[in-house]
Amino acid sequence: MPTNHIPNPSWTAKHFSQANPRGRGQGNVPRLLRCVAKTLADLGEIEVQDLVMHTEITPDGAWPSVTVYYHSKPRDHHRVN
């Protein structure tokens, strides 16, 4: 489930963090990456700036999460004036 943050106008990128539910299967990285991919697809036309994976160690084992930094509108890097 994504953790959404209210964007601050001074931020240069938006972001969300996502992890599998805690407990059985929390360390399933392929499932986590499929969920992140679905969230990205649901966001529509965005430009991903960075992806960061972090693993927290819990009594139930490793609990990976992914934070995605993105821009709402794609930037035109090939634009010629």
Protein backbone atom coordinates (compact mmCIF):
# COMPACT_ATOMS: atom_id res chain seq x y z
CA MET A 1 0.00 0.00 0.00
CA PRO A 2 1.54 3.36 -0.95
CA THR A 3 2.19 5.96 1.66
CA ASN A 4 1.18 9.24 0.06
CA HIS A 5 2.53 12.59 1.15
CA ILE A 6 0.95 15.97 0.60
CA PRO A 7 3.32 17.72 -1.83
CA ASN A 8 5.01 20.85 -0.55
CA PRO A 9 5.13 23.55 -3.27
CA SER A 10 8.87 24.02 -2.63
CA TRP A 11 9.67 20.36 -3.39
CA THR A 12 11.16 19.73 -6.81
CA ALA A 13 9.77 16.18 -6.98
CA LYS A 14 6.82 14.27 -5.59
CA HIS A 15 7.34 10.91 -3.92
CA PHE A 16 5.67 7.85 -2.43
CA SER A 17 6.89 4.85 -0.44
CA GLN A 18 5.49 1.37 -0.80
CA ALA A 19 5.99 -1.95 1.01
CA ASN A 20 4.27 -5.32 1.19
CA PRO A 21 1.97 -5.79 4.19
CA ARG A 22 3.91 -6.72 7.32
CA GLY A 23 3.94 -10.42 8.18
CA ARG A 24 4.04 -13.50 5.97
CA GLY A 25 5.40 -12.57 2.54
CA GLN A 26 6.68 -9.14 3.62
CA GLY A 27 10.10 -9.88 2.10
CA ASN A 28 8.76 -10.86 -1.33
CA VAL A 29 10.68 -8.41 -3.54
CA PRO A 30 9.15 -9.50 -6.88
CA ARG A 31 5.65 -8.86 -5.46
CA LEU A 32 6.76 -5.48 -4.09
CA LEU A 33 8.20 -4.45 -7.47
CA ARG A 34 5.00 -5.53 -9.28
CA CYS A 35 2.97 -3.37 -6.85
CA VAL A 36 5.29 -0.38 -7.40
CA ALA A 37 5.01 -0.88 -11.18
CA LYS A 38 1.19 -0.87 -10.92
CA THR A 39 1.24 2.32 -8.83
CA LEU A 40 3.51 3.99 -11.40
CA ALA A 41 1.18 2.94 -14.23
CA ASP A 42 -1.82 4.27 -12.28
CA LEU A 43 -0.10 7.66 -11.89
CA GLY A 44 -0.17 8.13 -15.67
CA GLU A 45 2.21 10.46 -17.48
CA ILE A 46 5.09 10.98 -15.03
CA GLU A 47 8.87 11.07 -15.17
CA VAL A 48 10.60 8.93 -12.54
CA GLN A 49 13.63 10.71 -11.12
CA ASP A 50 14.87 8.08 -8.67
CA LEU A 51 13.97 4.77 -7.01
CA VAL A 52 15.40 3.83 -3.62
CA MET A 53 15.01 0.42 -2.02
CA HIS A 54 15.43 0.10 1.73
CA THR A 55 15.22 -3.02 3.90
CA GLU A 56 14.14 -2.87 7.52
CA ILE A 57 14.88 -5.90 9.70
CA THR A 58 11.88 -6.91 11.81
CA PRO A 59 11.15 -9.91 14.07
CA ASP A 60 9.41 -11.42 11.00
CA GLY A 61 12.53 -10.96 8.83
CA ALA A 62 13.55 -8.50 6.12
CA TRP A 63 10.86 -5.97 5.15
CA PRO A 64 11.84 -4.13 1.97
CA SER A 65 10.24 -0.90 0.81
CA VAL A 66 10.67 1.30 -2.25
CA THR A 67 10.52 5.08 -2.37
CA VAL A 68 9.88 6.60 -5.80
CA TYR A 69 10.69 10.23 -6.61
CA TYR A 70 8.92 11.58 -9.70
CA HIS A 71 7.69 14.64 -11.59
CA SER A 72 4.00 14.99 -12.46
CA LYS A 73 4.69 16.20 -15.98
CA PRO A 74 7.43 14.87 -18.22
CA ARG A 75 10.19 17.36 -18.96
CA ASP A 76 11.04 17.94 -22.60
CA HIS A 77 14.83 17.50 -22.61
CA HIS A 78 15.05 17.56 -26.40
CA ARG A 79 13.24 20.82 -26.97
CA VAL A 80 15.01 23.23 -29.30
CA ASN A 81 14.19 26.95 -29.14
